[in-house]
Amino acid sequence: MALTQISVQRFSVTSARSFESVVAAIDAVLSHPDPSRFSMEIAAAVTWASTETVIGRMLGISGFMEFIRFDLGAILRKESGQAGPKNLRLVIGNPLVMKEMAKHVPEAGSYAPVSVLIDERPDGVHLSYDTMASLLAPYGNAEALDVARALDSQIERLLTEAAGL
């Protein structure tokens, strides 16, 4: 049995925009492919080039796709009976980026695609993301860390722009 200590860095920005505006800004730049269609097209791709083409066609203008979303706020609101809090977790990524990290550090598959949390609080809408570089740092692979840092930069830009900052 092995245990690895991971120290996580969380990137977070707070927006004065409404929750709905922030989510709409992110939705506008992500693709939202049908999971069944995506799986079928990947399975039908017979070469690496055709696989890259399938993935490329399914990415949003940000270079990312949404894999799934969890509306945690809907559950919280059921308990409170109130209009808030609003809390949404998006699982987003780019399979080509995920592959580049996982081929150097298989454990990257535990962290990619990434989770973005958007939650409404009294001081504004918070957009948070645990950086991939911090998650992969303990594995000490320079190639994977280079890819992770580039991914972090893209995600941080996505969240900053959605926040209107």
C-alpha atoms as a PDB file:
ATOM      1  CA  MET A   1       0.000   0.000   0.000  1.00  0.00           C
ATOM      2  CA  ALA A   2       1.281   3.462  -0.875  1.00  0.00           C
ATOM      3  CA  LEU A   3       0.071   6.859   0.211  1.00  0.00           C
ATOM      4  CA  THR A   4       1.063  10.041  -1.564  1.00  0.00           C
ATOM      5  CA  GLN A   5       0.602  13.440   0.043  1.00  0.00           C
ATOM      6  CA  ILE A   6      -0.840  15.974  -2.387  1.00  0.00           C
ATOM      7  CA  SER A   7      -0.908  19.658  -1.616  1.00  0.00           C
ATOM      8  CA  VAL A   8      -3.558  21.330  -3.755  1.00  0.00           C
ATOM      9  CA  GLN A   9      -3.553  24.917  -4.935  1.00  0.00           C
ATOM     10  CA  ARG A  10      -6.986  26.363  -5.593  1.00  0.00           C
ATOM     11  CA  PHE A  11      -7.453  29.131  -8.125  1.00  0.00           C
ATOM     12  CA  SER A  12     -10.484  31.249  -7.294  1.00  0.00           C
ATOM     13  CA  VAL A  13     -12.024  34.462  -8.567  1.00  0.00           C
ATOM     14  CA  THR A  14     -15.098  36.312  -7.366  1.00  0.00           C
ATOM     15  CA  SER A  15     -17.452  37.955  -9.811  1.00  0.00           C
ATOM     16  CA  ALA A  16     -19.964  40.758  -9.399  1.00  0.00           C
ATOM     17  CA  ARG A  17     -21.914  39.247 -12.311  1.00  0.00           C
ATOM     18  CA  SER A  18     -25.026  37.205 -11.636  1.00  0.00           C
ATOM     19  CA  PHE A  19     -24.711  33.455 -11.262  1.00  0.00           C
ATOM     20  CA  GLU A  20     -26.722  32.982 -14.455  1.00  0.00           C
ATOM     21  CA  SER A  21     -24.465  35.379 -16.408  1.00  0.00           C
ATOM     22  CA  VAL A  22     -21.322  33.590 -15.273  1.00  0.00           C
ATOM     23  CA  VAL A  23     -22.729  30.167 -16.188  1.00  0.00           C
ATOM     24  CA  ALA A  24     -23.943  31.495 -19.561  1.00  0.00           C
ATOM     25  CA  ALA A  25     -20.477  32.920 -20.299  1.00  0.00           C
ATOM     26  CA  ILE A  26     -18.877  29.536 -19.637  1.00  0.00           C
ATOM     27  CA  ASP A  27     -21.576  27.633 -21.529  1.00  0.00           C
ATOM     28  CA  ALA A  28     -21.004  29.875 -24.548  1.00  0.00           C
ATOM     29  CA  VAL A  29     -17.388  28.756 -24.970  1.00  0.00           C
ATOM     30  CA  LEU A  30     -17.675  25.067 -24.053  1.00  0.00           C
ATOM     31  CA  SER A  31     -19.067  22.408 -26.316  1.00  0.00           C
ATOM     32  CA  HIS A  32     -21.771  20.151 -24.936  1.00  0.00           C
ATOM     33  CA  PRO A  33     -21.463  16.957 -26.988  1.00  0.00           C
ATOM     34  CA  ASP A  34     -23.922  14.129 -26.596  1.00  0.00           C
ATOM     35  CA  PRO A  35     -21.981  11.540 -24.538  1.00  0.00           C
ATOM     36  CA  SER A  36     -23.381   8.578 -26.495  1.00  0.00           C
ATOM     37  CA  ARG A  37     -22.523  10.157 -29.847  1.00  0.00           C
ATOM     38  CA  PHE A  38     -19.047  11.081 -28.601  1.00  0.00           C
ATOM     39  CA  SER A  39     -18.387   7.508 -27.425  1.00  0.00           C
ATOM     40  CA  MET A  40     -19.707   6.019 -30.673  1.00  0.00           C
ATOM     41  CA  GLU A  41     -17.588   8.328 -32.841  1.00  0.00           C
ATOM     42  CA  ILE A  42     -14.451   7.653 -30.799  1.00  0.00           C
ATOM     43  CA  ALA A  43     -15.085   3.895 -31.023  1.00  0.00           C
ATOM     44  CA  ALA A  44     -15.609   4.176 -34.807  1.00  0.00           C
ATOM     45  CA  ALA A  45     -12.366   6.100 -35.340  1.00  0.00           C
ATOM     46  CA  VAL A  46      -9.866   3.608 -36.732  1.00  0.00           C
ATOM     47  CA  THR A  47      -6.733   5.755 -36.735  1.00  0.00           C
ATOM     48  CA  TRP A  48      -5.175   8.229 -34.338  1.00  0.00           C
ATOM     49  CA  ALA A  49      -5.698  10.990 -36.921  1.00  0.00           C
ATOM     50  CA  SER A  50      -9.411  10.213 -37.156  1.00  0.00           C
ATOM     51  CA  THR A  51      -9.635  10.148 -33.358  1.00  0.00           C
ATOM     52  CA  GLU A  52      -8.026  13.598 -33.191  1.00  0.00           C
ATOM     53  CA  THR A  53     -10.480  14.820 -35.827  1.00  0.00           C
ATOM     54  CA  VAL A  54     -13.481  13.541 -33.874  1.00  0.00           C
ATOM     55  CA  ILE A  55     -12.258  15.201 -30.684  1.00  0.00           C
ATOM     56  CA  GLY A  56     -11.349  18.428 -32.464  1.00  0.00           C
ATOM     57  CA  ARG A  57     -14.834  18.692 -33.984  1.00  0.00           C
ATOM     58  CA  MET A  58     -16.411  18.300 -30.573  1.00  0.00           C
ATOM     59  CA  LEU A  59     -14.439  20.982 -28.719  1.00  0.00           C
ATOM     60  CA  GLY A  60     -15.894  24.393 -27.978  1.00  0.00           C
ATOM     61  CA  ILE A  61     -14.195  27.644 -28.928  1.00  0.00           C
ATOM     62  CA  SER A  62     -12.385  27.511 -25.586  1.00  0.00           C
ATOM     63  CA  GLY A  63     -10.797  24.196 -26.557  1.00  0.00           C
ATOM     64  CA  PHE A  64     -12.872  22.408 -23.903  1.00  0.00           C
ATOM     65  CA  MET A  65     -15.999  20.302 -23.731  1.00  0.00           C
ATOM     66  CA  GLU A  66     -18.369  19.685 -20.876  1.00  0.00           C
ATOM     67  CA  PHE A  67     -18.521  16.065 -19.800  1.00  0.00           C
ATOM     68  CA  ILE A  68     -21.148  16.451 -17.066  1.00  0.00           C
ATOM     69  CA  ARG A  69     -22.572  18.985 -14.653  1.00  0.00           C
ATOM     70  CA  PHE A  70     -23.825  18.562 -11.116  1.00  0.00           C
ATOM     71  CA  ASP A  71     -26.368  21.081  -9.853  1.00  0.00           C
ATOM     72  CA  LEU A  72     -25.508  20.816  -6.174  1.00  0.00           C
ATOM     73  CA  GLY A  73     -27.571  23.926  -5.490  1.00  0.00           C
ATOM     74  CA  ALA A  74     -30.759  22.120  -6.524  1.00  0.00           C
ATOM     75  CA  ILE A  75     -30.204  19.665  -3.677  1.00  0.00           C
ATOM     76  CA  LEU A  76     -29.323  22.439  -1.212  1.00  0.00           C
ATOM     77  CA  ARG A  77     -32.462  24.375  -2.200  1.00  0.00           C
ATOM     78  CA  LYS A  78     -34.651  21.312  -1.627  1.00  0.00           C
ATOM     79  CA  GLU A  79     -33.583  21.318   2.009  1.00  0.00           C
ATOM     80  CA  SER A  80     -33.850  25.058   2.577  1.00  0.00           C
ATOM     81  CA  GLY A  81     -36.923  25.743   0.450  1.00  0.00           C
ATOM     82  CA  GLN A  82     -35.210  28.971  -0.626  1.00  0.00           C
ATOM     83  CA  ALA A  83     -34.171  30.360  -4.009  1.00  0.00           C
ATOM     84  CA  GLY A  84     -30.492  29.977  -3.057  1.00  0.00           C
ATOM     85  CA  PRO A  85     -27.800  28.915  -2.733  1.00  0.00           C
ATOM     86  CA  LYS A  86     -26.748  28.320  -6.318  1.00  0.00           C
ATOM     87  CA  ASN A  87     -23.895  25.856  -6.634  1.00  0.00           C
ATOM     88  CA  LEU A  88     -22.820  24.146  -9.850  1.00  0.00           C
ATOM     89  CA  ARG A  89     -19.946  21.775 -10.535  1.00  0.00           C
ATOM     90  CA  LEU A  90     -18.830  21.439 -14.148  1.00  0.00           C
ATOM     91  CA  VAL A  91     -16.550  18.624 -15.278  1.00  0.00           C
ATOM     92  CA  ILE A  92     -14.754  19.945 -18.343  1.00  0.00           C
ATOM     93  CA  GLY A  93     -11.690  19.178 -20.373  1.00  0.00           C
ATOM     94  CA  ASN A  94     -10.041  18.242 -23.613  1.00  0.00           C
ATOM     95  CA  PRO A  95      -9.326  14.535 -24.157  1.00  0.00           C
ATOM     96  CA  LEU A  96      -6.180  15.373 -26.141  1.00  0.00           C
ATOM     97  CA  VAL A  97      -4.758  17.339 -23.203  1.00  0.00           C
ATOM     98  CA  MET A  98      -5.814  14.620 -20.779  1.00  0.00           C
ATOM     99  CA  LYS A  99      -3.987  12.051 -22.920  1.00  0.00           C
ATOM    100  CA  GLU A 100      -0.789  14.096 -22.940  1.00  0.00           C
ATOM    101  CA  MET A 101      -0.706  14.206 -19.138  1.00  0.00           C
ATOM    102  CA  ALA A 102      -1.773  10.583 -18.602  1.00  0.00           C
ATOM    103  CA  LYS A 103       0.861   9.174 -20.955  1.00  0.00           C
ATOM    104  CA  HIS A 104       3.532  10.624 -18.636  1.00  0.00           C
ATOM    105  CA  VAL A 105       1.685  10.283 -15.303  1.00  0.00           C
ATOM    106  CA  PRO A 106      -1.135   7.700 -15.327  1.00  0.00           C
ATOM    107  CA  GLU A 107      -2.512   9.205 -12.104  1.00  0.00           C
ATOM    108  CA  ALA A 108      -3.491  12.289 -14.126  1.00  0.00           C
ATOM    109  CA  GLY A 109      -6.567  10.272 -15.030  1.00  0.00           C
ATOM    110  CA  SER A 110      -7.732  10.767 -11.444  1.00  0.00           C
ATOM    111  CA  TYR A 111      -7.813  14.530 -11.944  1.00  0.00           C
ATOM    112  CA  ALA A 112      -8.746  15.041 -15.585  1.00  0.00           C
ATOM    113  CA  PRO A 113     -11.210  16.086 -16.803  1.00  0.00           C
ATOM    114  CA  VAL A 114     -11.162  18.929 -14.328  1.00  0.00           C
ATOM    115  CA  SER A 115     -13.842  20.210 -11.975  1.00  0.00           C
ATOM    116  CA  VAL A 116     -14.888  23.830 -11.916  1.00  0.00           C
ATOM    117  CA  LEU A 117     -17.090  25.011  -9.071  1.00  0.00           C
ATOM    118  CA  ILE A 118     -19.376  28.012  -9.527  1.00  0.00           C
ATOM    119  CA  ASP A 119     -21.173  29.045  -6.372  1.00  0.00           C
ATOM    120  CA  GLU A 120     -23.135  32.059  -5.252  1.00  0.00           C
ATOM    121  CA  ARG A 121     -22.263  33.653  -1.925  1.00  0.00           C
ATOM    122  CA  PRO A 122     -23.150  36.947  -0.260  1.00  0.00           C
ATOM    123  CA  ASP A 123     -19.974  38.578  -1.621  1.00  0.00           C
ATOM    124  CA  GLY A 124     -20.494  37.425  -5.222  1.00  0.00           C
ATOM    125  CA  VAL A 125     -20.210  34.436  -7.499  1.00  0.00           C
ATOM    126  CA  HIS A 126     -17.105  32.357  -6.822  1.00  0.00           C
ATOM    127  CA  LEU A 127     -15.408  30.394  -9.584  1.00  0.00           C
ATOM    128  CA  SER A 128     -12.895  27.851  -8.271  1.00  0.00           C
ATOM    129  CA  TYR A 129     -10.562  25.273  -9.730  1.00  0.00           C
ATOM    130  CA  ASP A 130      -7.902  23.017  -8.170  1.00  0.00           C
ATOM    131  CA  THR A 131      -4.838  23.485 -10.340  1.00  0.00           C
ATOM    132  CA  MET A 132      -3.648  20.506 -12.306  1.00  0.00           C
ATOM    133  CA  ALA A 133       0.005  21.431 -11.790  1.00  0.00           C
ATOM    134  CA  SER A 134      -0.440  21.205  -8.017  1.00  0.00           C
ATOM    135  CA  LEU A 135      -2.166  17.831  -8.356  1.00  0.00           C
ATOM    136  CA  LEU A 136       0.574  16.406 -10.581  1.00  0.00           C
ATOM    137  CA  ALA A 137       3.595  18.020  -8.866  1.00  0.00           C
ATOM    138  CA  PRO A 138       4.201  15.095  -6.452  1.00  0.00           C
ATOM    139  CA  TYR A 139       4.758  12.752  -9.401  1.00  0.00           C
ATOM    140  CA  GLY A 140       7.765  14.790 -10.570  1.00  0.00           C
ATOM    141  CA  ASN A 141       7.309  14.440 -14.319  1.00  0.00           C
ATOM    142  CA  ALA A 142       8.414  17.576 -16.194  1.00  0.00           C
ATOM    143  CA  GLU A 143       6.500  16.757 -19.392  1.00  0.00           C
ATOM    144  CA  ALA A 144       3.211  16.238 -17.554  1.00  0.00           C
ATOM    145  CA  LEU A 145       3.799  19.401 -15.510  1.00  0.00           C
ATOM    146  CA  ASP A 146       4.346  21.458 -18.660  1.00  0.00           C
ATOM    147  CA  VAL A 147       0.997  20.249 -20.035  1.00  0.00           C
ATOM    148  CA  ALA A 148      -0.661  20.814 -16.654  1.00  0.00           C
ATOM    149  CA  ARG A 149       0.626  24.389 -16.413  1.00  0.00           C
ATOM    150  CA  ALA A 150      -0.673  25.172 -19.894  1.00  0.00           C
ATOM    151  CA  LEU A 151      -4.045  23.661 -18.934  1.00  0.00           C
ATOM    152  CA  ASP A 152      -4.121  25.693 -15.730  1.00  0.00           C
ATOM    153  CA  SER A 153      -3.478  28.856 -17.702  1.00  0.00           C
ATOM    154  CA  GLN A 154      -6.354  28.088 -20.088  1.00  0.00           C
ATOM    155  CA  ILE A 155      -8.787  27.261 -17.266  1.00  0.00           C
ATOM    156  CA  GLU A 156      -7.789  30.332 -15.265  1.00  0.00           C
ATOM    157  CA  ARG A 157      -8.347  32.525 -18.350  1.00  0.00           C
ATOM    158  CA  LEU A 158     -11.748  30.886 -18.945  1.00  0.00           C
ATOM    159  CA  LEU A 159     -12.847  31.554 -15.353  1.00  0.00           C
ATOM    160  CA  THR A 160     -11.459  35.092 -15.278  1.00  0.00           C
ATOM    161  CA  GLU A 161     -13.241  36.008 -18.513  1.00  0.00           C
ATOM    162  CA  ALA A 162     -16.516  34.423 -17.348  1.00  0.00           C
ATOM    163  CA  ALA A 163     -16.226  36.438 -14.132  1.00  0.00           C
ATOM    164  CA  GLY A 164     -15.855  39.617 -16.175  1.00  0.00           C
ATOM    165  CA  LEU A 165     -12.442  40.441 -14.751  1.00  0.00           C
END
